[in-house]
Amino acid sequence: MQGVKKNRFREIYDSLPARQEVAPKSDWVNEIAEITKSHPTTVRAWLYGAQKPDALKTSILSKHLGIPEDELFS
């Protein structure tokens, strides 16, 4: 991902601590998966830019994270 600008969604993930007894990043991915009714693998695909969530899931994420929809994945 060199030279690729990270989206706000990915920036939140990257700002979490790397390791603890229960990995915070895994917990966050699982939380996002739960609130969007998605699989954690799908959430990771959003993080890596392989996929983007549909409009409903983007709306849910926007409300949950407090970030405007148009900023999450751009």
PDB file of N, CA and C in Angstrom:
ATOM      1  N   MET A   1       0.812  -1.188   0.000  1.00  0.00           N
ATOM      2  CA  MET A   1       0.000   0.000   0.000  1.00  0.00           C
ATOM      3  C   MET A   1       0.861   1.259   0.000  1.00  0.00           C
ATOM      4  N   GLN A   2       2.051   1.167  -0.494  1.00  0.00           N
ATOM      5  CA  GLN A   2       2.897   2.337  -0.565  1.00  0.00           C
ATOM      6  C   GLN A   2       2.334   3.333  -1.554  1.00  0.00           C
ATOM      7  N   GLY A   3       2.372   4.610  -1.180  1.00  0.00           N
ATOM      8  CA  GLY A   3       1.921   5.653  -2.070  1.00  0.00           C
ATOM      9  C   GLY A   3       0.417   5.799  -2.166  1.00  0.00           C
ATOM     10  N   VAL A   4      -0.323   4.950  -1.451  1.00  0.00           N
ATOM     11  CA  VAL A   4      -1.779   5.024  -1.481  1.00  0.00           C
ATOM     12  C   VAL A   4      -2.241   5.770  -0.229  1.00  0.00           C
ATOM     13  N   LYS A   5      -3.048   6.811  -0.435  1.00  0.00           N
ATOM     14  CA  LYS A   5      -3.567   7.576   0.690  1.00  0.00           C
ATOM     15  C   LYS A   5      -4.560   6.725   1.469  1.00  0.00           C
ATOM     16  N   LYS A   6      -4.379   6.670   2.782  1.00  0.00           N
ATOM     17  CA  LYS A   6      -5.277   5.880   3.622  1.00  0.00           C
ATOM     18  C   LYS A   6      -6.572   6.642   3.856  1.00  0.00           C
ATOM     19  N   ASN A   7      -7.674   5.889   3.848  1.00  0.00           N
ATOM     20  CA  ASN A   7      -8.961   6.503   4.136  1.00  0.00           C
ATOM     21  C   ASN A   7      -9.152   6.617   5.643  1.00  0.00           C
ATOM     22  N   ARG A   8     -10.145   7.391   6.039  1.00  0.00           N
ATOM     23  CA  ARG A   8     -10.374   7.643   7.470  1.00  0.00           C
ATOM     24  C   ARG A   8     -10.677   6.361   8.226  1.00  0.00           C
ATOM     25  N   PHE A   9     -11.426   5.450   7.604  1.00  0.00           N
ATOM     26  CA  PHE A   9     -11.752   4.164   8.218  1.00  0.00           C
ATOM     27  C   PHE A   9     -10.471   3.423   8.577  1.00  0.00           C
ATOM     28  N   ARG A  10      -9.513   3.375   7.641  1.00  0.00           N
ATOM     29  CA  ARG A  10      -8.240   2.696   7.874  1.00  0.00           C
ATOM     30  C   ARG A  10      -7.406   3.439   8.915  1.00  0.00           C
ATOM     31  N   GLU A  11      -7.469   4.763   8.942  1.00  0.00           N
ATOM     32  CA  GLU A  11      -6.711   5.542   9.923  1.00  0.00           C
ATOM     33  C   GLU A  11      -7.135   5.210  11.349  1.00  0.00           C
ATOM     34  N   ILE A  12      -8.447   5.008  11.567  1.00  0.00           N
ATOM     35  CA  ILE A  12      -8.929   4.629  12.902  1.00  0.00           C
ATOM     36  C   ILE A  12      -8.326   3.290  13.302  1.00  0.00           C
ATOM     37  N   TYR A  13      -8.367   2.337  12.395  1.00  0.00           N
ATOM     38  CA  TYR A  13      -7.811   1.009  12.661  1.00  0.00           C
ATOM     39  C   TYR A  13      -6.319   1.105  12.973  1.00  0.00           C
ATOM     40  N   ASP A  14      -5.577   1.847  12.162  1.00  0.00           N
ATOM     41  CA  ASP A  14      -4.127   1.963  12.355  1.00  0.00           C
ATOM     42  C   ASP A  14      -3.758   2.661  13.654  1.00  0.00           C
ATOM     43  N   SER A  15      -4.649   3.488  14.196  1.00  0.00           N
ATOM     44  CA  SER A  15      -4.344   4.209  15.427  1.00  0.00           C
ATOM     45  C   SER A  15      -4.505   3.354  16.683  1.00  0.00           C
ATOM     46  N   LEU A  16      -5.095   2.173  16.549  1.00  0.00           N
ATOM     47  CA  LEU A  16      -5.275   1.286  17.702  1.00  0.00           C
ATOM     48  C   LEU A  16      -3.950   0.633  18.070  1.00  0.00           C
ATOM     49  N   PRO A  17      -3.761   0.324  19.363  1.00  0.00           N
ATOM     50  CA  PRO A  17      -2.525  -0.339  19.774  1.00  0.00           C
ATOM     51  C   PRO A  17      -2.343  -1.683  19.067  1.00  0.00           C
ATOM     52  N   ALA A  18      -1.096  -2.033  18.833  1.00  0.00           N
ATOM     53  CA  ALA A  18      -0.783  -3.241  18.068  1.00  0.00           C
ATOM     54  C   ALA A  18      -1.096  -4.534  18.829  1.00  0.00           C
ATOM     55  N   ARG A  19      -0.710  -4.621  20.077  1.00  0.00           N
ATOM     56  CA  ARG A  19      -0.877  -5.890  20.802  1.00  0.00           C
ATOM     57  C   ARG A  19      -1.266  -5.669  22.247  1.00  0.00           C
ATOM     58  N   GLN A  20      -2.086  -6.552  22.726  1.00  0.00           N
ATOM     59  CA  GLN A  20      -2.451  -6.687  24.123  1.00  0.00           C
ATOM     60  C   GLN A  20      -2.869  -8.132  24.296  1.00  0.00           C
ATOM     61  N   GLU A  21      -3.328  -8.483  25.489  1.00  0.00           N
ATOM     62  CA  GLU A  21      -3.761  -9.853  25.714  1.00  0.00           C
ATOM     63  C   GLU A  21      -4.820 -10.247  24.678  1.00  0.00           C
ATOM     64  N   VAL A  22      -5.805  -9.394  24.501  1.00  0.00           N
ATOM     65  CA  VAL A  22      -6.776  -9.549  23.422  1.00  0.00           C
ATOM     66  C   VAL A  22      -6.491  -8.389  22.477  1.00  0.00           C
ATOM     67  N   ALA A  23      -6.140  -8.705  21.267  1.00  0.00           N
ATOM     68  CA  ALA A  23      -5.698  -7.681  20.326  1.00  0.00           C
ATOM     69  C   ALA A  23      -6.790  -6.631  20.092  1.00  0.00           C
ATOM     70  N   PRO A  24      -6.502  -5.349  20.378  1.00  0.00           N
ATOM     71  CA  PRO A  24      -7.491  -4.290  20.194  1.00  0.00           C
ATOM     72  C   PRO A  24      -7.965  -4.170  18.744  1.00  0.00           C
ATOM     73  N   LYS A  25      -7.076  -4.399  17.812  1.00  0.00           N
ATOM     74  CA  LYS A  25      -7.472  -4.290  16.406  1.00  0.00           C
ATOM     75  C   LYS A  25      -8.447  -5.403  16.029  1.00  0.00           C
ATOM     76  N   SER A  26      -8.221  -6.581  16.526  1.00  0.00           N
ATOM     77  CA  SER A  26      -9.168  -7.682  16.266  1.00  0.00           C
ATOM     78  C   SER A  26     -10.506  -7.406  16.939  1.00  0.00           C
ATOM     79  N   ASP A  27     -10.459  -6.877  18.167  1.00  0.00           N
ATOM     80  CA  ASP A  27     -11.694  -6.517  18.856  1.00  0.00           C
ATOM     81  C   ASP A  27     -12.473  -5.469  18.062  1.00  0.00           C
ATOM     82  N   TRP A  28     -11.751  -4.479  17.536  1.00  0.00           N
ATOM     83  CA  TRP A  28     -12.397  -3.415  16.772  1.00  0.00           C
ATOM     84  C   TRP A  28     -13.015  -3.970  15.496  1.00  0.00           C
ATOM     85  N   VAL A  29     -12.281  -4.820  14.796  1.00  0.00           N
ATOM     86  CA  VAL A  29     -12.814  -5.443  13.574  1.00  0.00           C
ATOM     87  C   VAL A  29     -14.061  -6.251  13.910  1.00  0.00           C
ATOM     88  N   ASN A  30     -14.011  -7.010  14.992  1.00  0.00           N
ATOM     89  CA  ASN A  30     -15.170  -7.809  15.397  1.00  0.00           C
ATOM     90  C   ASN A  30     -16.360  -6.927  15.784  1.00  0.00           C
ATOM     91  N   GLU A  31     -16.095  -5.808  16.445  1.00  0.00           N
ATOM     92  CA  GLU A  31     -17.155  -4.865  16.808  1.00  0.00           C
ATOM     93  C   GLU A  31     -17.813  -4.282  15.548  1.00  0.00           C
ATOM     94  N   ILE A  32     -16.992  -3.860  14.603  1.00  0.00           N
ATOM     95  CA  ILE A  32     -17.508  -3.300  13.351  1.00  0.00           C
ATOM     96  C   ILE A  32     -18.313  -4.368  12.604  1.00  0.00           C
ATOM     97  N   ALA A  33     -17.810  -5.583  12.583  1.00  0.00           N
ATOM     98  CA  ALA A  33     -18.528  -6.677  11.926  1.00  0.00           C
ATOM     99  C   ALA A  33     -19.887  -6.897  12.589  1.00  0.00           C
ATOM    100  N   GLU A  34     -19.913  -6.844  13.899  1.00  0.00           N
ATOM    101  CA  GLU A  34     -21.160  -7.067  14.624  1.00  0.00           C
ATOM    102  C   GLU A  34     -22.179  -5.965  14.342  1.00  0.00           C
ATOM    103  N   ILE A  35     -21.758  -4.711  14.397  1.00  0.00           N
ATOM    104  CA  ILE A  35     -22.739  -3.630  14.215  1.00  0.00           C
ATOM    105  C   ILE A  35     -23.220  -3.518  12.771  1.00  0.00           C
ATOM    106  N   THR A  36     -22.423  -3.992  11.821  1.00  0.00           N
ATOM    107  CA  THR A  36     -22.829  -3.933  10.409  1.00  0.00           C
ATOM    108  C   THR A  36     -23.402  -5.258   9.915  1.00  0.00           C
ATOM    109  N   LYS A  37     -23.462  -6.250  10.801  1.00  0.00           N
ATOM    110  CA  LYS A  37     -23.944  -7.588  10.427  1.00  0.00           C
ATOM    111  C   LYS A  37     -23.128  -8.147   9.258  1.00  0.00           C
ATOM    112  N   SER A  38     -21.811  -7.984   9.364  1.00  0.00           N
ATOM    113  CA  SER A  38     -20.879  -8.452   8.339  1.00  0.00           C
ATOM    114  C   SER A  38     -19.904  -9.438   8.955  1.00  0.00           C
ATOM    115  N   HIS A  39     -19.173 -10.129   8.135  1.00  0.00           N
ATOM    116  CA  HIS A  39     -18.136 -11.040   8.603  1.00  0.00           C
ATOM    117  C   HIS A  39     -16.855 -10.234   8.826  1.00  0.00           C
ATOM    118  N   PRO A  40     -16.065 -10.589   9.838  1.00  0.00           N
ATOM    119  CA  PRO A  40     -14.795  -9.882  10.059  1.00  0.00           C
ATOM    120  C   PRO A  40     -13.893  -9.852   8.813  1.00  0.00           C
ATOM    121  N   THR A  41     -13.941 -10.894   7.996  1.00  0.00           N
ATOM    122  CA  THR A  41     -13.153 -10.907   6.761  1.00  0.00           C
ATOM    123  C   THR A  41     -13.609  -9.788   5.824  1.00  0.00           C
ATOM    124  N   THR A  42     -14.892  -9.522   5.803  1.00  0.00           N
ATOM    125  CA  THR A  42     -15.426  -8.436   4.975  1.00  0.00           C
ATOM    126  C   THR A  42     -14.936  -7.088   5.486  1.00  0.00           C
ATOM    127  N   VAL A  43     -14.939  -6.915   6.805  1.00  0.00           N
ATOM    128  CA  VAL A  43     -14.447  -5.664   7.394  1.00  0.00           C
ATOM    129  C   VAL A  43     -12.974  -5.472   7.036  1.00  0.00           C
ATOM    130  N   ARG A  44     -12.203  -6.535   7.093  1.00  0.00           N
ATOM    131  CA  ARG A  44     -10.783  -6.423   6.716  1.00  0.00           C
ATOM    132  C   ARG A  44     -10.632  -6.079   5.237  1.00  0.00           C
ATOM    133  N   ALA A  45     -11.517  -6.567   4.399  1.00  0.00           N
ATOM    134  CA  ALA A  45     -11.491  -6.195   2.972  1.00  0.00           C
ATOM    135  C   ALA A  45     -11.755  -4.700   2.814  1.00  0.00           C
ATOM    136  N   TRP A  46     -12.635  -4.140   3.650  1.00  0.00           N
ATOM    137  CA  TRP A  46     -12.872  -2.687   3.621  1.00  0.00           C
ATOM    138  C   TRP A  46     -11.605  -1.953   4.033  1.00  0.00           C
ATOM    139  N   LEU A  47     -10.933  -2.472   5.067  1.00  0.00           N
ATOM    140  CA  LEU A  47      -9.710  -1.826   5.561  1.00  0.00           C
ATOM    141  C   LEU A  47      -8.627  -1.781   4.495  1.00  0.00           C
ATOM    142  N   TYR A  48      -8.497  -2.851   3.738  1.00  0.00           N
ATOM    143  CA  TYR A  48      -7.430  -2.938   2.737  1.00  0.00           C
ATOM    144  C   TYR A  48      -7.846  -2.379   1.381  1.00  0.00           C
ATOM    145  N   GLY A  49      -9.073  -1.867   1.299  1.00  0.00           N
ATOM    146  CA  GLY A  49      -9.524  -1.241   0.069  1.00  0.00           C
ATOM    147  C   GLY A  49      -9.935  -2.207  -1.023  1.00  0.00           C
ATOM    148  N   ALA A  50     -10.065  -3.488  -0.696  1.00  0.00           N
ATOM    149  CA  ALA A  50     -10.478  -4.482  -1.686  1.00  0.00           C
ATOM    150  C   ALA A  50     -11.974  -4.386  -1.975  1.00  0.00           C
ATOM    151  N   GLN A  51     -12.729  -3.889  -1.005  1.00  0.00           N
ATOM    152  CA  GLN A  51     -14.177  -3.724  -1.139  1.00  0.00           C
ATOM    153  C   GLN A  51     -14.579  -2.450  -0.418  1.00  0.00           C
ATOM    154  N   LYS A  52     -15.774  -1.981  -0.707  1.00  0.00           N
ATOM    155  CA  LYS A  52     -16.382  -0.881   0.044  1.00  0.00           C
ATOM    156  C   LYS A  52     -17.752  -1.352   0.497  1.00  0.00           C
ATOM    157  N   PRO A  53     -18.165  -0.946   1.700  1.00  0.00           N
ATOM    158  CA  PRO A  53     -19.486  -1.357   2.171  1.00  0.00           C
ATOM    159  C   PRO A  53     -20.590  -0.664   1.375  1.00  0.00           C
ATOM    160  N   ASP A  54     -21.772  -1.274   1.382  1.00  0.00           N
ATOM    161  CA  ASP A  54     -22.912  -0.661   0.706  1.00  0.00           C
ATOM    162  C   ASP A  54     -23.358   0.582   1.482  1.00  0.00           C
ATOM    163  N   ALA A  55     -24.316   1.297   0.918  1.00  0.00           N
ATOM    164  CA  ALA A  55     -24.757   2.573   1.481  1.00  0.00           C
ATOM    165  C   ALA A  55     -25.305   2.431   2.903  1.00  0.00           C
ATOM    166  N   LEU A  56     -26.059   1.370   3.176  1.00  0.00           N
ATOM    167  CA  LEU A  56     -26.616   1.179   4.516  1.00  0.00           C
ATOM    168  C   LEU A  56     -25.509   0.963   5.538  1.00  0.00           C
ATOM    169  N   LYS A  57     -24.560   0.119   5.218  1.00  0.00           N
ATOM    170  CA  LYS A  57     -23.465  -0.155   6.152  1.00  0.00           C
ATOM    171  C   LYS A  57     -22.575   1.070   6.324  1.00  0.00           C
ATOM    172  N   THR A  58     -22.376   1.834   5.263  1.00  0.00           N
ATOM    173  CA  THR A  58     -21.606   3.071   5.370  1.00  0.00           C
ATOM    174  C   THR A  58     -22.315   4.054   6.298  1.00  0.00           C
ATOM    175  N   SER A  59     -23.631   4.125   6.203  1.00  0.00           N
ATOM    176  CA  SER A  59     -24.419   4.993   7.083  1.00  0.00           C
ATOM    177  C   SER A  59     -24.288   4.560   8.542  1.00  0.00           C
ATOM    178  N   ILE A  60     -24.357   3.262   8.787  1.00  0.00           N
ATOM    179  CA  ILE A  60     -24.212   2.725  10.143  1.00  0.00           C
ATOM    180  C   ILE A  60     -22.824   3.059  10.692  1.00  0.00           C
ATOM    181  N   LEU A  61     -21.798   2.853   9.874  1.00  0.00           N
ATOM    182  CA  LEU A  61     -20.427   3.152  10.298  1.00  0.00           C
ATOM    183  C   LEU A  61     -20.243   4.639  10.585  1.00  0.00           C
ATOM    184  N   SER A  62     -20.818   5.476   9.736  1.00  0.00           N
ATOM    185  CA  SER A  62     -20.720   6.919   9.904  1.00  0.00           C
ATOM    186  C   SER A  62     -21.290   7.349  11.255  1.00  0.00           C
ATOM    187  N   LYS A  63     -22.456   6.835  11.575  1.00  0.00           N
ATOM    188  CA  LYS A  63     -23.093   7.172  12.858  1.00  0.00           C
ATOM    189  C   LYS A  63     -22.285   6.630  14.034  1.00  0.00           C
ATOM    190  N   HIS A  64     -21.824   5.404  13.917  1.00  0.00           N
ATOM    191  CA  HIS A  64     -21.078   4.764  15.012  1.00  0.00           C
ATOM    192  C   HIS A  64     -19.738   5.454  15.263  1.00  0.00           C
ATOM    193  N   LEU A  65     -19.045   5.820  14.195  1.00  0.00           N
ATOM    194  CA  LEU A  65     -17.704   6.397  14.322  1.00  0.00           C
ATOM    195  C   LEU A  65     -17.694   7.919  14.398  1.00  0.00           C
ATOM    196  N   GLY A  66     -18.829   8.545  14.081  1.00  0.00           N
ATOM    197  CA  GLY A  66     -18.907  10.002  14.130  1.00  0.00           C
ATOM    198  C   GLY A  66     -18.125  10.683  13.017  1.00  0.00           C
ATOM    199  N   ILE A  67     -18.053  10.038  11.868  1.00  0.00           N
ATOM    200  CA  ILE A  67     -17.336  10.574  10.707  1.00  0.00           C
ATOM    201  C   ILE A  67     -18.325  10.648   9.547  1.00  0.00           C
ATOM    202  N   PRO A  68     -18.345  11.769   8.824  1.00  0.00           N
ATOM    203  CA  PRO A  68     -19.260  11.870   7.683  1.00  0.00           C
ATOM    204  C   PRO A  68     -19.046  10.733   6.682  1.00  0.00           C
ATOM    205  N   GLU A  69     -20.140  10.261   6.112  1.00  0.00           N
ATOM    206  CA  GLU A  69     -20.079   9.140   5.167  1.00  0.00           C
ATOM    207  C   GLU A  69     -19.096   9.382   4.033  1.00  0.00           C
ATOM    208  N   ASP A  70     -19.070  10.606   3.514  1.00  0.00           N
ATOM    209  CA  ASP A  70     -18.218  10.890   2.365  1.00  0.00           C
ATOM    210  C   ASP A  70     -16.726  10.935   2.711  1.00  0.00           C
ATOM    211  N   GLU A  71     -16.387  10.877   3.997  1.00  0.00           N
ATOM    212  CA  GLU A  71     -14.992  10.883   4.415  1.00  0.00           C
ATOM    213  C   GLU A  71     -14.469   9.493   4.805  1.00  0.00           C
ATOM    214  N   LEU A  72     -15.361   8.570   5.060  1.00  0.00           N
ATOM    215  CA  LEU A  72     -14.937   7.264   5.560  1.00  0.00           C
ATOM    216  C   LEU A  72     -14.043   6.481   4.604  1.00  0.00           C
ATOM    217  N   PHE A  73     -14.403   6.427   3.367  1.00  0.00           N
ATOM    218  CA  PHE A  73     -13.698   5.569   2.415  1.00  0.00           C
ATOM    219  C   PHE A  73     -13.125   6.328   1.224  1.00  0.00           C
ATOM    220  N   SER A  74     -12.917   7.631   1.408  1.00  0.00           N
ATOM    221  CA  SER A  74     -12.356   8.410   0.300  1.00  0.00           C
ATOM    222  C   SER A  74     -10.942   8.843   0.602  1.00  0.00           C
TER     223      SER A  74
END
